[in-house]
Amino acid sequence: MHIAWTKNLTGEEKQRRKNEVMSYKNAFDDLKQILEKDFLKKEADRDYSDGWEHRQIAVNEYNAALTELIKLIDLEPKDE
């Protein structure tokens, strides 16, 4: 589970939040499958005409956001 779910929480409050988020696991697992299937990472922009740098930045940012979203909804235990 990503630390963002319990950031700034301690004790009972933190455990309560973990339990709440874990109750979403089935929905998050389904969402993860959808994201990985239907929202594929974009290929690098190989058209080096004017403005290619901006197009490549957009591709990189899309891919980074998709990766971060998948990490956030992945509730499998991680080695910390």
C-alpha atoms as a PDB file:
ATOM      1  CA  MET A   1       0.000   0.000   0.000  1.00  0.00           C
ATOM      2  CA  HIS A   2       1.326   3.423  -0.928  1.00  0.00           C
ATOM      3  CA  ILE A   3       2.234   5.585   2.059  1.00  0.00           C
ATOM      4  CA  ALA A   4       0.039   8.415   0.754  1.00  0.00           C
ATOM      5  CA  TRP A   5      -3.030   6.577   2.089  1.00  0.00           C
ATOM      6  CA  THR A   6      -1.883   6.909   5.712  1.00  0.00           C
ATOM      7  CA  LYS A   7       0.368   9.951   5.612  1.00  0.00           C
ATOM      8  CA  ASN A   8       0.250  11.992   8.847  1.00  0.00           C
ATOM      9  CA  LEU A   9      -1.863   9.377  10.638  1.00  0.00           C
ATOM     10  CA  THR A  10      -0.777   7.420  13.693  1.00  0.00           C
ATOM     11  CA  GLY A  11      -1.971   4.622  15.927  1.00  0.00           C
ATOM     12  CA  GLU A  12      -5.595   3.623  15.728  1.00  0.00           C
ATOM     13  CA  GLU A  13      -6.410   6.281  13.159  1.00  0.00           C
ATOM     14  CA  LYS A  14      -3.728   4.907  10.823  1.00  0.00           C
ATOM     15  CA  GLN A  15      -4.958   1.329  11.215  1.00  0.00           C
ATOM     16  CA  ARG A  16      -8.560   2.403  10.650  1.00  0.00           C
ATOM     17  CA  ARG A  17      -7.506   4.163   7.418  1.00  0.00           C
ATOM     18  CA  LYS A  18      -5.538   1.082   6.246  1.00  0.00           C
ATOM     19  CA  ASN A  19      -8.602  -1.090   6.827  1.00  0.00           C
ATOM     20  CA  GLU A  20     -10.808   1.368   4.961  1.00  0.00           C
ATOM     21  CA  VAL A  21      -8.471   1.530   1.949  1.00  0.00           C
ATOM     22  CA  MET A  22      -8.073  -2.265   1.904  1.00  0.00           C
ATOM     23  CA  SER A  23     -11.862  -2.530   1.638  1.00  0.00           C
ATOM     24  CA  TYR A  24     -11.467  -0.888  -1.823  1.00  0.00           C
ATOM     25  CA  LYS A  25      -8.995  -3.567  -2.975  1.00  0.00           C
ATOM     26  CA  ASN A  26     -11.331  -5.343  -5.424  1.00  0.00           C
ATOM     27  CA  ALA A  27     -12.283  -2.088  -7.122  1.00  0.00           C
ATOM     28  CA  PHE A  28      -8.654  -0.934  -7.245  1.00  0.00           C
ATOM     29  CA  ASP A  29      -7.551  -4.274  -8.701  1.00  0.00           C
ATOM     30  CA  ASP A  30     -10.192  -3.927 -11.428  1.00  0.00           C
ATOM     31  CA  LEU A  31      -9.155  -0.319 -12.075  1.00  0.00           C
ATOM     32  CA  LYS A  32      -5.497  -1.354 -12.299  1.00  0.00           C
ATOM     33  CA  GLN A  33      -6.369  -3.952 -14.954  1.00  0.00           C
ATOM     34  CA  ILE A  34      -8.322  -1.350 -16.936  1.00  0.00           C
ATOM     35  CA  LEU A  35      -5.476   1.164 -16.748  1.00  0.00           C
ATOM     36  CA  GLU A  36      -2.890  -1.409 -17.802  1.00  0.00           C
ATOM     37  CA  LYS A  37      -5.062  -2.635 -20.678  1.00  0.00           C
ATOM     38  CA  ASP A  38      -6.798   0.475 -22.012  1.00  0.00           C
ATOM     39  CA  PHE A  39      -4.438   3.274 -21.013  1.00  0.00           C
ATOM     40  CA  LEU A  40      -1.147   1.966 -22.315  1.00  0.00           C
ATOM     41  CA  LYS A  41       2.050   3.906 -21.968  1.00  0.00           C
ATOM     42  CA  LYS A  42       2.751   6.022 -25.007  1.00  0.00           C
ATOM     43  CA  GLU A  43       5.681   5.402 -27.319  1.00  0.00           C
ATOM     44  CA  ALA A  44       8.481   7.935 -27.648  1.00  0.00           C
ATOM     45  CA  ASP A  45       7.897  10.678 -30.220  1.00  0.00           C
ATOM     46  CA  ARG A  46      10.189   9.871 -33.156  1.00  0.00           C
ATOM     47  CA  ASP A  47       8.987  12.757 -35.330  1.00  0.00           C
ATOM     48  CA  TYR A  48      11.824  15.251 -34.873  1.00  0.00           C
ATOM     49  CA  SER A  49      10.073  18.109 -36.669  1.00  0.00           C
ATOM     50  CA  ASP A  50       9.551  21.449 -34.942  1.00  0.00           C
ATOM     51  CA  GLY A  51       8.113  21.095 -31.473  1.00  0.00           C
ATOM     52  CA  TRP A  52       9.151  17.465 -30.971  1.00  0.00           C
ATOM     53  CA  GLU A  53      10.619  18.312 -27.564  1.00  0.00           C
ATOM     54  CA  HIS A  54       7.233  19.448 -26.306  1.00  0.00           C
ATOM     55  CA  ARG A  55       5.490  16.381 -27.684  1.00  0.00           C
ATOM     56  CA  GLN A  56       8.094  14.161 -26.016  1.00  0.00           C
ATOM     57  CA  ILE A  57       7.665  15.975 -22.715  1.00  0.00           C
ATOM     58  CA  ALA A  58       3.906  15.349 -22.948  1.00  0.00           C
ATOM     59  CA  VAL A  59       4.520  11.631 -23.576  1.00  0.00           C
ATOM     60  CA  ASN A  60       6.932  11.433 -20.641  1.00  0.00           C
ATOM     61  CA  GLU A  61       4.521  13.209 -18.301  1.00  0.00           C
ATOM     62  CA  TYR A  62       1.577  11.006 -19.363  1.00  0.00           C
ATOM     63  CA  ASN A  63       3.633   7.873 -18.759  1.00  0.00           C
ATOM     64  CA  ALA A  64       4.864   9.141 -15.389  1.00  0.00           C
ATOM     65  CA  ALA A  65       1.340  10.027 -14.248  1.00  0.00           C
ATOM     66  CA  LEU A  66       0.020   6.620 -15.326  1.00  0.00           C
ATOM     67  CA  THR A  67       2.828   4.874 -13.443  1.00  0.00           C
ATOM     68  CA  GLU A  68       2.182   6.896 -10.284  1.00  0.00           C
ATOM     69  CA  LEU A  69      -1.558   6.234 -10.421  1.00  0.00           C
ATOM     70  CA  ILE A  70      -0.993   2.492 -10.752  1.00  0.00           C
ATOM     71  CA  LYS A  71       1.427   2.583  -7.796  1.00  0.00           C
ATOM     72  CA  LEU A  72      -1.178   4.432  -5.722  1.00  0.00           C
ATOM     73  CA  ILE A  73      -3.961   1.916  -6.309  1.00  0.00           C
ATOM     74  CA  ASP A  74      -1.725  -1.156  -5.973  1.00  0.00           C
ATOM     75  CA  LEU A  75      -2.517  -2.341  -2.448  1.00  0.00           C
ATOM     76  CA  GLU A  76      -0.254  -5.381  -2.455  1.00  0.00           C
ATOM     77  CA  PRO A  77       2.185  -5.415   0.478  1.00  0.00           C
ATOM     78  CA  LYS A  78       5.599  -3.996  -0.332  1.00  0.00           C
ATOM     79  CA  ASP A  79       8.935  -4.593   1.345  1.00  0.00           C
ATOM     80  CA  GLU A  80       9.723  -1.385   3.176  1.00  0.00           C
END
